[in-house]
């Protein structure tokens, strides 16, 4: 019985699995280090309407950041990708 209660408490304390945040065009995007990457140029959606990725102008070129790396942070929308990762795009 204690095991069931513990599992139920854990399930309630765990955030929903990787649900992408709502992102609007022109929203600021920040790297994992907190550096502003740029603003969203285009929101890319999947066939079901869910967020798939965002397109950003970074260092003079378009890059596409997958929705699975996005979350809402203190500053706004943040990617789990580092500046070094973004330079590889």
N, C-alpha and C. Protein backbone atom coordinates (compact mmCIF):
# COMPACT_ATOMS: atom_id res chain seq x y z
N UNK A 1 0.82 -1.19 0.00
CA UNK A 1 0.00 0.00 0.00
C UNK A 1 0.87 1.26 0.00
N UNK A 2 1.96 1.24 0.79
CA UNK A 2 2.85 2.39 0.84
C UNK A 2 3.47 2.66 -0.52
N UNK A 3 3.75 1.58 -1.27
CA UNK A 3 4.35 1.72 -2.60
C UNK A 3 3.41 2.46 -3.54
N UNK A 4 2.13 2.15 -3.51
CA UNK A 4 1.14 2.79 -4.37
C UNK A 4 1.02 4.27 -4.04
N UNK A 5 1.00 4.59 -2.75
CA UNK A 5 0.90 5.99 -2.33
C UNK A 5 2.14 6.76 -2.75
N UNK A 6 3.31 6.14 -2.59
CA UNK A 6 4.56 6.78 -2.99
C UNK A 6 4.58 7.04 -4.49
N UNK A 7 4.18 6.05 -5.29
CA UNK A 7 4.15 6.22 -6.75
C UNK A 7 3.15 7.29 -7.16
N UNK A 8 2.01 7.34 -6.50
CA UNK A 8 1.01 8.36 -6.81
C UNK A 8 1.55 9.75 -6.48
N UNK A 9 2.25 9.89 -5.37
CA UNK A 9 2.83 11.18 -4.99
C UNK A 9 3.90 11.60 -5.97
N UNK A 10 4.71 10.64 -6.41
CA UNK A 10 5.74 10.93 -7.41
C UNK A 10 5.13 11.37 -8.72
N UNK A 11 4.07 10.72 -9.14
CA UNK A 11 3.42 11.07 -10.40
C UNK A 11 2.86 12.48 -10.35
N UNK A 12 2.34 12.89 -9.21
CA UNK A 12 1.79 14.24 -9.10
C UNK A 12 2.90 15.29 -9.04
N UNK A 13 4.05 14.92 -8.51
CA UNK A 13 5.15 15.87 -8.38
C UNK A 13 5.96 16.01 -9.66
N UNK A 14 5.86 15.04 -10.56
CA UNK A 14 6.62 15.06 -11.80
C UNK A 14 5.90 15.89 -12.84
N UNK A 15 6.60 16.83 -13.51
CA UNK A 15 5.95 17.63 -14.54
C UNK A 15 5.55 16.78 -15.73
N UNK A 16 4.61 17.29 -16.50
CA UNK A 16 4.16 16.59 -17.70
C UNK A 16 5.34 16.35 -18.64
N UNK A 17 5.31 15.24 -19.33
CA UNK A 17 6.41 14.88 -20.21
C UNK A 17 6.54 15.85 -21.37
N UNK A 18 7.66 16.49 -21.46
CA UNK A 18 8.12 17.30 -22.59
C UNK A 18 7.02 17.93 -23.42
N UNK A 19 6.15 18.64 -22.80
CA UNK A 19 5.14 19.36 -23.57
C UNK A 19 5.72 20.72 -23.91
N UNK A 20 5.78 21.01 -25.20
CA UNK A 20 6.40 22.25 -25.66
C UNK A 20 5.57 23.46 -25.21
N UNK A 21 6.24 24.53 -24.84
CA UNK A 21 5.53 25.73 -24.42
C UNK A 21 4.88 26.43 -25.61
N UNK A 22 3.93 27.28 -25.34
CA UNK A 22 3.34 28.10 -26.39
C UNK A 22 4.37 29.15 -26.79
N UNK A 23 4.63 29.27 -28.07
CA UNK A 23 5.62 30.22 -28.56
C UNK A 23 4.98 31.06 -29.65
N UNK A 24 5.13 32.36 -29.54
CA UNK A 24 4.60 33.28 -30.53
C UNK A 24 5.72 33.80 -31.43
N UNK A 25 5.35 34.19 -32.64
CA UNK A 25 6.31 34.83 -33.54
C UNK A 25 6.82 36.10 -32.85
N UNK A 26 8.07 36.39 -33.03
CA UNK A 26 8.77 37.53 -32.43
C UNK A 26 9.10 37.36 -30.94
N UNK A 27 8.80 36.19 -30.37
CA UNK A 27 9.17 35.93 -28.97
C UNK A 27 10.69 35.77 -28.89
N UNK A 28 11.27 36.27 -27.82
CA UNK A 28 12.72 36.12 -27.62
C UNK A 28 13.03 34.69 -27.19
N UNK A 29 14.14 34.15 -27.69
CA UNK A 29 14.60 32.81 -27.35
C UNK A 29 15.98 32.93 -26.71
N UNK A 30 16.19 32.19 -25.61
CA UNK A 30 17.45 32.22 -24.90
C UNK A 30 18.11 30.85 -24.91
N UNK A 31 19.45 30.83 -24.92
CA UNK A 31 20.20 29.58 -24.89
C UNK A 31 20.20 29.01 -23.47
N UNK A 32 20.76 27.81 -23.33
CA UNK A 32 20.85 27.18 -22.02
C UNK A 32 21.66 28.02 -21.04
N UNK A 33 22.61 28.80 -21.57
CA UNK A 33 23.42 29.66 -20.71
C UNK A 33 22.74 30.99 -20.38
N UNK A 34 21.59 31.24 -20.99
CA UNK A 34 20.86 32.48 -20.73
C UNK A 34 21.13 33.59 -21.71
N UNK A 35 21.93 33.32 -22.74
CA UNK A 35 22.23 34.31 -23.77
C UNK A 35 21.05 34.42 -24.73
N UNK A 36 20.67 35.64 -25.07
CA UNK A 36 19.59 35.82 -26.03
C UNK A 36 20.09 35.38 -27.41
N UNK A 37 19.36 34.43 -28.01
CA UNK A 37 19.70 33.90 -29.33
C UNK A 37 19.14 34.81 -30.40
N UNK A 38 17.91 35.22 -30.22
CA UNK A 38 17.23 36.07 -31.19
C UNK A 38 15.74 36.01 -30.95
N UNK A 39 15.00 36.36 -31.99
CA UNK A 39 13.54 36.32 -31.92
C UNK A 39 13.02 35.26 -32.89
N UNK A 40 11.87 34.70 -32.56
CA UNK A 40 11.26 33.68 -33.41
C UNK A 40 10.81 34.33 -34.71
N UNK A 41 11.31 33.80 -35.83
CA UNK A 41 10.90 34.27 -37.14
C UNK A 41 9.67 33.50 -37.63
N UNK A 42 9.65 32.19 -37.31
CA UNK A 42 8.54 31.34 -37.75
C UNK A 42 8.31 30.23 -36.73
N UNK A 43 7.04 29.97 -36.46
CA UNK A 43 6.65 28.85 -35.61
C UNK A 43 6.26 27.70 -36.53
N UNK A 44 6.95 26.58 -36.40
CA UNK A 44 6.71 25.41 -37.26
C UNK A 44 5.83 24.43 -36.49
N UNK A 45 4.70 24.04 -37.10
CA UNK A 45 3.79 23.11 -36.43
C UNK A 45 3.74 21.79 -37.16
N UNK A 46 3.41 20.74 -36.43
CA UNK A 46 3.22 19.41 -36.99
C UNK A 46 1.83 19.33 -37.62
N UNK A 47 1.55 18.21 -38.25
CA UNK A 47 0.25 18.02 -38.89
C UNK A 47 -0.91 18.14 -37.91
N UNK A 48 -0.67 17.76 -36.65
CA UNK A 48 -1.74 17.83 -35.65
C UNK A 48 -1.85 19.21 -34.98
N UNK A 49 -1.02 20.16 -35.44
CA UNK A 49 -1.08 21.52 -34.91
C UNK A 49 -0.16 21.76 -33.72
N UNK A 50 0.49 20.71 -33.25
CA UNK A 50 1.41 20.86 -32.12
C UNK A 50 2.71 21.54 -32.57
N UNK A 51 3.34 22.24 -31.66
CA UNK A 51 4.60 22.90 -31.96
C UNK A 51 5.66 21.86 -32.30
N UNK A 52 6.32 22.01 -33.44
CA UNK A 52 7.37 21.09 -33.86
C UNK A 52 8.75 21.73 -33.71
N UNK A 53 8.84 23.02 -34.02
CA UNK A 53 10.12 23.73 -33.97
C UNK A 53 9.87 25.22 -34.11
N UNK A 54 10.93 25.99 -33.89
CA UNK A 54 10.88 27.42 -34.18
C UNK A 54 12.08 27.76 -35.05
N UNK A 55 11.86 28.71 -35.96
CA UNK A 55 12.95 29.17 -36.81
C UNK A 55 13.40 30.53 -36.31
N UNK A 56 14.71 30.68 -36.15
CA UNK A 56 15.30 31.89 -35.57
C UNK A 56 16.44 32.34 -36.47
N UNK A 57 16.64 33.65 -36.59
CA UNK A 57 17.83 34.15 -37.27
C UNK A 57 18.91 34.25 -36.21
N UNK A 58 19.98 33.45 -36.38
CA UNK A 58 21.07 33.38 -35.42
C UNK A 58 22.38 33.57 -36.16
N UNK A 59 23.11 34.60 -35.79
CA UNK A 59 24.40 34.91 -36.43
C UNK A 59 24.27 35.06 -37.94
N UNK A 60 23.18 35.69 -38.37
CA UNK A 60 22.98 35.99 -39.78
C UNK A 60 22.42 34.87 -40.63
N UNK A 61 22.03 33.75 -40.02
CA UNK A 61 21.42 32.67 -40.80
C UNK A 61 20.25 32.06 -40.05
N UNK A 62 19.36 31.44 -40.82
CA UNK A 62 18.20 30.79 -40.21
C UNK A 62 18.64 29.46 -39.60
N UNK A 63 18.20 29.22 -38.36
CA UNK A 63 18.37 27.90 -37.75
C UNK A 63 17.01 27.45 -37.24
N UNK A 64 16.82 26.16 -37.18
CA UNK A 64 15.57 25.59 -36.68
C UNK A 64 15.86 24.89 -35.37
N UNK A 65 15.17 25.31 -34.33
CA UNK A 65 15.36 24.75 -33.00
C UNK A 65 14.18 23.83 -32.69
N UNK A 66 14.43 22.55 -32.42
CA UNK A 66 13.35 21.60 -32.15
C UNK A 66 12.55 21.97 -30.89
N UNK A 67 11.25 21.74 -30.95
CA UNK A 67 10.36 22.06 -29.83
C UNK A 67 10.72 21.26 -28.58
N UNK A 68 11.26 20.07 -28.76
CA UNK A 68 11.61 19.22 -27.61
C UNK A 68 12.68 19.88 -26.74
N UNK A 69 13.42 20.85 -27.28
CA UNK A 69 14.46 21.52 -26.50
C UNK A 69 13.96 22.79 -25.83
N UNK A 70 12.71 23.16 -26.05
CA UNK A 70 12.18 24.43 -25.55
C UNK A 70 11.44 24.28 -24.23
N UNK A 71 11.59 25.28 -23.39
CA UNK A 71 10.84 25.35 -22.14
C UNK A 71 10.64 26.82 -21.79
N UNK A 72 9.77 27.06 -20.84
CA UNK A 72 9.55 28.42 -20.39
C UNK A 72 10.38 28.65 -19.13
N UNK A 73 11.22 29.67 -19.17
CA UNK A 73 12.09 29.98 -18.05
C UNK A 73 11.78 31.34 -17.48
N UNK A 74 12.67 31.82 -16.62
CA UNK A 74 12.48 33.12 -15.99
C UNK A 74 12.44 34.26 -17.01
N UNK A 75 13.28 34.16 -18.02
CA UNK A 75 13.36 35.22 -19.03
C UNK A 75 12.32 35.06 -20.12
N UNK A 76 11.82 33.86 -20.29
CA UNK A 76 10.88 33.57 -21.38
C UNK A 76 11.17 32.19 -21.93
N UNK A 77 11.13 32.05 -23.24
CA UNK A 77 11.36 30.75 -23.87
C UNK A 77 12.86 30.47 -23.92
N UNK A 78 13.24 29.30 -23.42
CA UNK A 78 14.64 28.91 -23.36
C UNK A 78 14.81 27.55 -24.03
N UNK A 79 15.93 27.38 -24.74
CA UNK A 79 16.27 26.08 -25.31
C UNK A 79 17.31 25.42 -24.42
N UNK A 80 17.30 24.11 -24.39
CA UNK A 80 18.30 23.38 -23.62
C UNK A 80 19.63 23.30 -24.38
N UNK A 81 19.65 23.83 -25.61
CA UNK A 81 20.87 23.82 -26.42
C UNK A 81 21.82 24.92 -25.95
N UNK A 82 23.10 24.59 -25.91
CA UNK A 82 24.11 25.58 -25.51
C UNK A 82 24.48 26.46 -26.70
N UNK A 83 25.21 27.52 -26.43
CA UNK A 83 25.70 28.38 -27.52
C UNK A 83 26.57 27.57 -28.48
N UNK A 84 27.40 26.66 -27.96
CA UNK A 84 28.25 25.81 -28.80
C UNK A 84 27.41 24.92 -29.70
N UNK A 85 26.31 24.37 -29.16
CA UNK A 85 25.41 23.54 -29.97
C UNK A 85 24.79 24.36 -31.10
N UNK A 86 24.36 25.57 -30.77
CA UNK A 86 23.69 26.42 -31.76
C UNK A 86 24.63 26.82 -32.89
N UNK A 87 25.91 27.00 -32.59
CA UNK A 87 26.88 27.36 -33.62
C UNK A 87 27.05 26.25 -34.65
N UNK A 88 26.72 25.02 -34.28
CA UNK A 88 26.85 23.88 -35.19
C UNK A 88 25.72 23.80 -36.21
N UNK A 89 24.65 24.53 -35.98
CA UNK A 89 23.48 24.46 -36.87
C UNK A 89 23.79 25.10 -38.20
